[in-house]
């Protein structure tokens, strides 16, 4: 692997997008609960490219395969239901880990072609243009997206449920959303949020785990993350608790 992993991540994401372009409305794969045919297609493409580039791959669809000093935690298609139904909000999420260190991330929206990228310490971009998170500090002024359905109203201005966590975290990174959070009955896995996590951090956004865990992990264990444009908004959301 070169010192800059982003070119191979771009190649991988574009190849996945091309591979699933004609795969809508094929339904579930029948191999695993909630897995779509397009998930299998995307995983085959992604693992082939990434392992060929010398990475170990940790995929939602096929687990851990290959060897290498660097691992890519990948959700081949995040927002599979959106993708299968033709809802234009789904992505490939790719996060590069060196040991326990998160070093690079890329999230590509296949419906629009928009690509978010970050390397640790180098800032975050959307289609090559630097991004910053929003400056909203209070819940009552915030537009928040959720993974899952909130069981109560926490006082936010508006909320959305868009169905692709990696992209929703990136919308916090570029200031389109003020925050993104799981709800009381929802958890996310690292492949859902790791790439977005680095992009968000490099944009100035803040994050936390409602359970106090470390969000940077390549294990299969789920987490309860919250992301916000400012530390003040993050702290307010954590204080209120899981919605």
C-alpha atoms as a PDB file:
ATOM      1  CA  UNK A   1       0.000   0.000   0.000  1.00  0.00           C
ATOM      2  CA  UNK A   2       1.211   3.520  -0.771  1.00  0.00           C
ATOM      3  CA  UNK A   3       1.279   6.316   1.803  1.00  0.00           C
ATOM      4  CA  UNK A   4      -1.957   7.641   0.280  1.00  0.00           C
ATOM      5  CA  UNK A   5      -4.711   5.009   0.259  1.00  0.00           C
ATOM      6  CA  UNK A   6      -7.394   7.311  -1.160  1.00  0.00           C
ATOM      7  CA  UNK A   7      -6.790   6.532  -4.867  1.00  0.00           C
ATOM      8  CA  UNK A   8      -7.463   2.809  -4.340  1.00  0.00           C
ATOM      9  CA  UNK A   9     -10.491   3.626  -2.179  1.00  0.00           C
ATOM     10  CA  UNK A  10     -11.862   5.803  -4.984  1.00  0.00           C
ATOM     11  CA  UNK A  11     -11.243   3.038  -7.512  1.00  0.00           C
ATOM     12  CA  UNK A  12     -13.017   0.555  -5.267  1.00  0.00           C
ATOM     13  CA  UNK A  13     -16.049   2.769  -4.641  1.00  0.00           C
ATOM     14  CA  UNK A  14     -16.450   3.618  -8.320  1.00  0.00           C
ATOM     15  CA  UNK A  15     -16.228  -0.050  -9.302  1.00  0.00           C
ATOM     16  CA  UNK A  16     -18.879  -0.958  -6.751  1.00  0.00           C
ATOM     17  CA  UNK A  17     -21.141   1.791  -8.078  1.00  0.00           C
ATOM     18  CA  UNK A  18     -20.743   0.518 -11.629  1.00  0.00           C
ATOM     19  CA  UNK A  19     -21.391  -3.073 -10.551  1.00  0.00           C
ATOM     20  CA  UNK A  20     -24.687  -2.360  -8.790  1.00  0.00           C
ATOM     21  CA  UNK A  21     -26.027   0.215 -11.254  1.00  0.00           C
ATOM     22  CA  UNK A  22     -28.396  -2.315 -12.818  1.00  0.00           C
ATOM     23  CA  UNK A  23     -29.155  -4.312  -9.672  1.00  0.00           C
ATOM     24  CA  UNK A  24     -32.202  -2.532  -8.308  1.00  0.00           C
ATOM     25  CA  UNK A  25     -35.407  -4.408  -7.498  1.00  0.00           C
ATOM     26  CA  UNK A  26     -33.685  -7.810  -7.318  1.00  0.00           C
ATOM     27  CA  UNK A  27     -34.656  -8.146  -3.684  1.00  0.00           C
ATOM     28  CA  UNK A  28     -33.096 -10.149  -0.885  1.00  0.00           C
ATOM     29  CA  UNK A  29     -30.275 -12.606  -1.504  1.00  0.00           C
ATOM     30  CA  UNK A  30     -31.734 -15.360   0.660  1.00  0.00           C
ATOM     31  CA  UNK A  31     -28.256 -16.026   2.075  1.00  0.00           C
ATOM     32  CA  UNK A  32     -28.471 -13.878   5.188  1.00  0.00           C
ATOM     33  CA  UNK A  33     -31.211 -11.914   6.913  1.00  0.00           C
ATOM     34  CA  UNK A  34     -31.731  -8.449   5.395  1.00  0.00           C
ATOM     35  CA  UNK A  35     -28.967  -9.005   2.793  1.00  0.00           C
ATOM     36  CA  UNK A  36     -29.820  -7.934  -0.747  1.00  0.00           C
ATOM     37  CA  UNK A  37     -28.559  -9.337  -4.037  1.00  0.00           C
ATOM     38  CA  UNK A  38     -26.783  -6.049  -4.662  1.00  0.00           C
ATOM     39  CA  UNK A  39     -24.948  -6.405  -1.327  1.00  0.00           C
ATOM     40  CA  UNK A  40     -23.399  -9.643  -2.533  1.00  0.00           C
ATOM     41  CA  UNK A  41     -22.459  -8.140  -5.894  1.00  0.00           C
ATOM     42  CA  UNK A  42     -20.889  -5.096  -4.230  1.00  0.00           C
ATOM     43  CA  UNK A  43     -18.977  -7.179  -1.699  1.00  0.00           C
ATOM     44  CA  UNK A  44     -17.430  -9.390  -4.377  1.00  0.00           C
ATOM     45  CA  UNK A  45     -16.166  -6.327  -6.251  1.00  0.00           C
ATOM     46  CA  UNK A  46     -14.884  -4.507  -3.172  1.00  0.00           C
ATOM     47  CA  UNK A  47     -13.047  -7.434  -1.609  1.00  0.00           C
ATOM     48  CA  UNK A  48     -11.403  -8.351  -4.913  1.00  0.00           C
ATOM     49  CA  UNK A  49     -10.010  -4.842  -5.428  1.00  0.00           C
ATOM     50  CA  UNK A  50      -8.972  -4.226  -1.828  1.00  0.00           C
ATOM     51  CA  UNK A  51      -7.307  -7.587  -1.283  1.00  0.00           C
ATOM     52  CA  UNK A  52      -5.563  -7.198  -4.629  1.00  0.00           C
ATOM     53  CA  UNK A  53      -4.128  -3.927  -3.328  1.00  0.00           C
ATOM     54  CA  UNK A  54      -2.698  -5.669  -0.266  1.00  0.00           C
ATOM     55  CA  UNK A  55      -5.329  -4.820   2.332  1.00  0.00           C
ATOM     56  CA  UNK A  56      -6.962  -7.050   4.872  1.00  0.00           C
ATOM     57  CA  UNK A  57     -10.715  -6.598   4.460  1.00  0.00           C
ATOM     58  CA  UNK A  58     -13.319  -6.455   7.217  1.00  0.00           C
ATOM     59  CA  UNK A  59     -16.683  -6.412   5.465  1.00  0.00           C
ATOM     60  CA  UNK A  60     -20.250  -6.359   6.714  1.00  0.00           C
ATOM     61  CA  UNK A  61     -21.085  -8.990   4.117  1.00  0.00           C
ATOM     62  CA  UNK A  62     -18.152 -11.421   4.252  1.00  0.00           C
ATOM     63  CA  UNK A  63     -16.317 -10.795   7.515  1.00  0.00           C
ATOM     64  CA  UNK A  64     -12.516 -10.655   7.784  1.00  0.00           C
ATOM     65  CA  UNK A  65     -10.477 -11.912   4.836  1.00  0.00           C
ATOM     66  CA  UNK A  66      -6.917 -11.537   3.605  1.00  0.00           C
ATOM     67  CA  UNK A  67      -3.804 -10.291   5.353  1.00  0.00           C
ATOM     68  CA  UNK A  68      -1.904  -7.025   5.565  1.00  0.00           C
ATOM     69  CA  UNK A  69      -0.628  -4.338   7.898  1.00  0.00           C
ATOM     70  CA  UNK A  70      -3.576  -2.150   6.890  1.00  0.00           C
ATOM     71  CA  UNK A  71      -7.226  -3.196   7.089  1.00  0.00           C
ATOM     72  CA  UNK A  72     -10.191  -1.662   5.299  1.00  0.00           C
ATOM     73  CA  UNK A  73     -13.469  -1.779   7.183  1.00  0.00           C
ATOM     74  CA  UNK A  74     -16.064  -1.735   4.426  1.00  0.00           C
ATOM     75  CA  UNK A  75     -19.795  -1.507   4.017  1.00  0.00           C
ATOM     76  CA  UNK A  76     -20.057  -2.331   0.299  1.00  0.00           C
ATOM     77  CA  UNK A  77     -23.524  -0.796   0.126  1.00  0.00           C
ATOM     78  CA  UNK A  78     -24.756   1.266   3.052  1.00  0.00           C
ATOM     79  CA  UNK A  79     -28.441   1.943   2.586  1.00  0.00           C
ATOM     80  CA  UNK A  80     -29.185  -1.327   0.782  1.00  0.00           C
ATOM     81  CA  UNK A  81     -32.959  -0.954   1.057  1.00  0.00           C
ATOM     82  CA  UNK A  82     -32.715   2.519  -0.468  1.00  0.00           C
ATOM     83  CA  UNK A  83     -30.535   1.147  -3.268  1.00  0.00           C
ATOM     84  CA  UNK A  84     -32.807  -1.805  -4.040  1.00  0.00           C
ATOM     85  CA  UNK A  85     -35.914   0.375  -4.105  1.00  0.00           C
ATOM     86  CA  UNK A  86     -34.324   3.172  -6.113  1.00  0.00           C
ATOM     87  CA  UNK A  87     -34.253   5.754  -3.320  1.00  0.00           C
ATOM     88  CA  UNK A  88     -31.267   7.986  -4.207  1.00  0.00           C
ATOM     89  CA  UNK A  89     -29.380   7.811  -0.913  1.00  0.00           C
ATOM     90  CA  UNK A  90     -26.924   4.918  -0.631  1.00  0.00           C
ATOM     91  CA  UNK A  91     -23.159   4.632  -0.501  1.00  0.00           C
ATOM     92  CA  UNK A  92     -19.984   2.642  -0.243  1.00  0.00           C
ATOM     93  CA  UNK A  93     -18.138   3.294   3.026  1.00  0.00           C
ATOM     94  CA  UNK A  94     -14.401   2.510   3.310  1.00  0.00           C
ATOM     95  CA  UNK A  95     -12.284   3.114   6.419  1.00  0.00           C
ATOM     96  CA  UNK A  96      -8.560   2.312   6.578  1.00  0.00           C
ATOM     97  CA  UNK A  97      -7.134   1.091   9.886  1.00  0.00           C
ATOM     98  CA  UNK A  98      -3.483   0.633  10.849  1.00  0.00           C
ATOM     99  CA  UNK A  99      -3.683  -1.419  13.998  1.00  0.00           C
ATOM    100  CA  UNK A 100      -6.031   0.517  16.266  1.00  0.00           C
ATOM    101  CA  UNK A 101      -5.517   3.797  14.377  1.00  0.00           C
ATOM    102  CA  UNK A 102      -8.085   5.169  11.933  1.00  0.00           C
ATOM    103  CA  UNK A 103      -6.017   6.715   9.139  1.00  0.00           C
ATOM    104  CA  UNK A 104      -8.283   7.317   6.113  1.00  0.00           C
ATOM    105  CA  UNK A 105     -11.919   7.254   5.120  1.00  0.00           C
ATOM    106  CA  UNK A 106     -14.057   7.590   2.007  1.00  0.00           C
ATOM    107  CA  UNK A 107     -17.831   7.595   1.555  1.00  0.00           C
ATOM    108  CA  UNK A 108     -19.286   7.783  -1.950  1.00  0.00           C
ATOM    109  CA  UNK A 109     -22.974   8.427  -2.621  1.00  0.00           C
ATOM    110  CA  UNK A 110     -23.688   6.275  -5.667  1.00  0.00           C
ATOM    111  CA  UNK A 111     -26.949   8.031  -6.457  1.00  0.00           C
ATOM    112  CA  UNK A 112     -25.293  11.440  -6.864  1.00  0.00           C
ATOM    113  CA  UNK A 113     -21.584  10.700  -7.289  1.00  0.00           C
ATOM    114  CA  UNK A 114     -20.717  12.941  -4.320  1.00  0.00           C
ATOM    115  CA  UNK A 115     -17.568  11.714  -2.583  1.00  0.00           C
ATOM    116  CA  UNK A 116     -16.432  12.545   0.956  1.00  0.00           C
ATOM    117  CA  UNK A 117     -12.808  11.879   1.928  1.00  0.00           C
ATOM    118  CA  UNK A 118     -10.405  12.376   4.813  1.00  0.00           C
ATOM    119  CA  UNK A 119      -6.944  11.394   5.972  1.00  0.00           C
ATOM    120  CA  UNK A 120      -5.979  11.766   9.595  1.00  0.00           C
ATOM    121  CA  UNK A 121      -4.609  15.245  10.242  1.00  0.00           C
ATOM    122  CA  UNK A 122      -5.268  16.479   6.689  1.00  0.00           C
ATOM    123  CA  UNK A 123      -8.849  17.756   6.894  1.00  0.00           C
ATOM    124  CA  UNK A 124     -11.970  16.525   5.140  1.00  0.00           C
ATOM    125  CA  UNK A 125     -13.390  17.206   1.692  1.00  0.00           C
ATOM    126  CA  UNK A 126     -16.545  16.842  -0.362  1.00  0.00           C
ATOM    127  CA  UNK A 127     -15.676  16.374  -4.029  1.00  0.00           C
ATOM    128  CA  UNK A 128     -12.249  17.829  -3.302  1.00  0.00           C
ATOM    129  CA  UNK A 129     -13.509  20.963  -1.534  1.00  0.00           C
ATOM    130  CA  UNK A 130     -12.752  21.409   2.170  1.00  0.00           C
ATOM    131  CA  UNK A 131     -15.757  21.085   4.490  1.00  0.00           C
ATOM    132  CA  UNK A 132     -16.626  22.231   8.006  1.00  0.00           C
ATOM    133  CA  UNK A 133     -19.394  21.129  10.336  1.00  0.00           C
ATOM    134  CA  UNK A 134     -22.204  23.430  11.471  1.00  0.00           C
ATOM    135  CA  UNK A 135     -21.934  25.889  14.360  1.00  0.00           C
ATOM    136  CA  UNK A 136     -25.277  25.055  16.009  1.00  0.00           C
ATOM    137  CA  UNK A 137     -24.836  24.545  19.754  1.00  0.00           C
ATOM    138  CA  UNK A 138     -28.344  23.956  21.126  1.00  0.00           C
ATOM    139  CA  UNK A 139     -30.851  21.173  20.529  1.00  0.00           C
ATOM    140  CA  UNK A 140     -33.768  23.538  19.927  1.00  0.00           C
ATOM    141  CA  UNK A 141     -32.026  24.977  16.868  1.00  0.00           C
ATOM    142  CA  UNK A 142     -30.824  21.666  15.460  1.00  0.00           C
ATOM    143  CA  UNK A 143     -31.839  19.585  12.462  1.00  0.00           C
ATOM    144  CA  UNK A 144     -31.008  16.013  13.437  1.00  0.00           C
ATOM    145  CA  UNK A 145     -31.083  12.699  11.559  1.00  0.00           C
ATOM    146  CA  UNK A 146     -31.689   9.405  13.338  1.00  0.00           C
ATOM    147  CA  UNK A 147     -30.986   5.751  12.784  1.00  0.00           C
ATOM    148  CA  UNK A 148     -34.237   4.318  14.035  1.00  0.00           C
ATOM    149  CA  UNK A 149     -37.401   5.986  15.294  1.00  0.00           C
ATOM    150  CA  UNK A 150     -37.149   8.297  18.319  1.00  0.00           C
ATOM    151  CA  UNK A 151     -39.466   7.218  21.134  1.00  0.00           C
ATOM    152  CA  UNK A 152     -39.839  10.774  22.405  1.00  0.00           C
ATOM    153  CA  UNK A 153     -39.271  14.344  21.221  1.00  0.00           C
ATOM    154  CA  UNK A 154     -36.010  15.775  22.531  1.00  0.00           C
ATOM    155  CA  UNK A 155     -36.739  19.376  21.616  1.00  0.00           C
ATOM    156  CA  UNK A 156     -34.945  19.509  18.261  1.00  0.00           C
ATOM    157  CA  UNK A 157     -36.138  21.829  15.514  1.00  0.00           C
ATOM    158  CA  UNK A 158     -36.591  19.077  12.873  1.00  0.00           C
ATOM    159  CA  UNK A 159     -35.523  15.486  12.304  1.00  0.00           C
ATOM    160  CA  UNK A 160     -34.888  13.164   9.378  1.00  0.00           C
ATOM    161  CA  UNK A 161     -34.499   9.397   8.920  1.00  0.00           C
ATOM    162  CA  UNK A 162     -32.589   8.892   5.674  1.00  0.00           C
ATOM    163  CA  UNK A 163     -31.497   5.257   5.864  1.00  0.00           C
ATOM    164  CA  UNK A 164     -27.724   5.328   5.263  1.00  0.00           C
ATOM    165  CA  UNK A 165     -25.666   6.084   8.373  1.00  0.00           C
ATOM    166  CA  UNK A 166     -22.339   6.662   6.625  1.00  0.00           C
ATOM    167  CA  UNK A 167     -23.824   9.418   4.477  1.00  0.00           C
ATOM    168  CA  UNK A 168     -25.738  10.932   7.372  1.00  0.00           C
ATOM    169  CA  UNK A 169     -22.514  11.258   9.351  1.00  0.00           C
ATOM    170  CA  UNK A 170     -20.973  12.967   6.309  1.00  0.00           C
ATOM    171  CA  UNK A 171     -23.897  15.388   6.204  1.00  0.00           C
ATOM    172  CA  UNK A 172     -22.935  16.354   9.744  1.00  0.00           C
ATOM    173  CA  UNK A 173     -19.361  16.794   8.534  1.00  0.00           C
ATOM    174  CA  UNK A 174     -20.348  19.235   5.779  1.00  0.00           C
ATOM    175  CA  UNK A 175     -22.870  21.130   7.888  1.00  0.00           C
ATOM    176  CA  UNK A 176     -26.008  19.964   6.080  1.00  0.00           C
ATOM    177  CA  UNK A 177     -27.165  18.309   9.300  1.00  0.00           C
ATOM    178  CA  UNK A 178     -26.412  19.552  12.788  1.00  0.00           C
ATOM    179  CA  UNK A 179     -26.349  16.061  14.300  1.00  0.00           C
ATOM    180  CA  UNK A 180     -26.894  12.359  13.663  1.00  0.00           C
ATOM    181  CA  UNK A 181     -27.719   9.845  16.366  1.00  0.00           C
ATOM    182  CA  UNK A 182     -28.925   6.342  17.011  1.00  0.00           C
ATOM    183  CA  UNK A 183     -32.186   5.936  18.888  1.00  0.00           C
ATOM    184  CA  UNK A 184     -32.976   3.871  21.960  1.00  0.00           C
ATOM    185  CA  UNK A 185     -33.553   0.628  20.064  1.00  0.00           C
ATOM    186  CA  UNK A 186     -30.822   1.041  17.431  1.00  0.00           C
ATOM    187  CA  UNK A 187     -27.130   0.199  17.303  1.00  0.00           C
ATOM    188  CA  UNK A 188     -24.537   0.605  14.537  1.00  0.00           C
ATOM    189  CA  UNK A 189     -21.500  -1.485  13.603  1.00  0.00           C
ATOM    190  CA  UNK A 190     -18.083  -0.033  12.729  1.00  0.00           C
ATOM    191  CA  UNK A 191     -18.583  -0.511   8.996  1.00  0.00           C
ATOM    192  CA  UNK A 192     -21.641   1.763   9.253  1.00  0.00           C
ATOM    193  CA  UNK A 193     -19.820   4.774  10.664  1.00  0.00           C
ATOM    194  CA  UNK A 194     -15.993   4.454  10.759  1.00  0.00           C
ATOM    195  CA  UNK A 195     -15.238   6.231   7.487  1.00  0.00           C
ATOM    196  CA  UNK A 196     -17.744   8.944   8.334  1.00  0.00           C
ATOM    197  CA  UNK A 197     -16.270   9.226  11.816  1.00  0.00           C
ATOM    198  CA  UNK A 198     -12.875  10.291  10.491  1.00  0.00           C
ATOM    199  CA  UNK A 199     -14.464  12.618   7.933  1.00  0.00           C
ATOM    200  CA  UNK A 200     -16.554  14.194  10.681  1.00  0.00           C
ATOM    201  CA  UNK A 201     -13.619  14.606  13.050  1.00  0.00           C
ATOM    202  CA  UNK A 202     -11.472  16.150  10.348  1.00  0.00           C
ATOM    203  CA  UNK A 203     -14.274  18.627   9.587  1.00  0.00           C
ATOM    204  CA  UNK A 204     -14.384  19.805  13.194  1.00  0.00           C
ATOM    205  CA  UNK A 205     -17.431  17.798  14.289  1.00  0.00           C
ATOM    206  CA  UNK A 206     -17.688  16.079  17.668  1.00  0.00           C
ATOM    207  CA  UNK A 207     -18.732  12.527  18.517  1.00  0.00           C
ATOM    208  CA  UNK A 208     -19.409  10.207  21.428  1.00  0.00           C
ATOM    209  CA  UNK A 209     -20.780   6.789  22.284  1.00  0.00           C
ATOM    210  CA  UNK A 210     -23.864   6.842  24.514  1.00  0.00           C
ATOM    211  CA  UNK A 211     -22.442   3.824  26.376  1.00  0.00           C
ATOM    212  CA  UNK A 212     -19.016   5.435  26.809  1.00  0.00           C
ATOM    213  CA  UNK A 213     -17.218   3.040  24.455  1.00  0.00           C
ATOM    214  CA  UNK A 214     -14.474   3.737  21.924  1.00  0.00           C
ATOM    215  CA  UNK A 215     -15.947   4.335  18.478  1.00  0.00           C
ATOM    216  CA  UNK A 216     -12.641   3.556  16.754  1.00  0.00           C
ATOM    217  CA  UNK A 217     -12.679  -0.220  16.583  1.00  0.00           C
ATOM    218  CA  UNK A 218     -12.377  -2.847  13.892  1.00  0.00           C
ATOM    219  CA  UNK A 219     -14.205  -5.430  15.985  1.00  0.00           C
ATOM    220  CA  UNK A 220     -17.648  -6.658  15.029  1.00  0.00           C
ATOM    221  CA  UNK A 221     -19.147  -5.186  18.215  1.00  0.00           C
ATOM    222  CA  UNK A 222     -21.929  -2.644  17.792  1.00  0.00           C
ATOM    223  CA  UNK A 223     -21.944   0.855  19.247  1.00  0.00           C
ATOM    224  CA  UNK A 224     -24.413   3.661  20.035  1.00  0.00           C
ATOM    225  CA  UNK A 225     -22.797   6.727  18.453  1.00  0.00           C
ATOM    226  CA  UNK A 226     -23.862  10.332  18.249  1.00  0.00           C
ATOM    227  CA  UNK A 227     -22.268  12.930  15.958  1.00  0.00           C
ATOM    228  CA  UNK A 228     -22.744  16.684  16.165  1.00  0.00           C
ATOM    229  CA  UNK A 229     -21.379  19.776  14.483  1.00  0.00           C
ATOM    230  CA  UNK A 230     -20.202  21.189  17.809  1.00  0.00           C
ATOM    231  CA  UNK A 231     -19.053  19.737  21.124  1.00  0.00           C
ATOM    232  CA  UNK A 232     -21.761  21.757  22.881  1.00  0.00           C
ATOM    233  CA  UNK A 233     -24.522  20.148  20.834  1.00  0.00           C
ATOM    234  CA  UNK A 234     -22.987  16.699  21.305  1.00  0.00           C
ATOM    235  CA  UNK A 235     -22.851  17.200  25.070  1.00  0.00           C
ATOM    236  CA  UNK A 236     -26.441  18.391  25.135  1.00  0.00           C
ATOM    237  CA  UNK A 237     -27.609  15.320  23.230  1.00  0.00           C
ATOM    238  CA  UNK A 238     -25.641  12.962  25.477  1.00  0.00           C
ATOM    239  CA  UNK A 239     -27.108  14.677  28.550  1.00  0.00           C
ATOM    240  CA  UNK A 240     -30.644  14.224  27.250  1.00  0.00           C
ATOM    241  CA  UNK A 241     -29.859  10.581  26.520  1.00  0.00           C
ATOM    242  CA  UNK A 242     -31.001   8.139  23.863  1.00  0.00           C
ATOM    243  CA  UNK A 243     -34.163   9.413  22.193  1.00  0.00           C
END
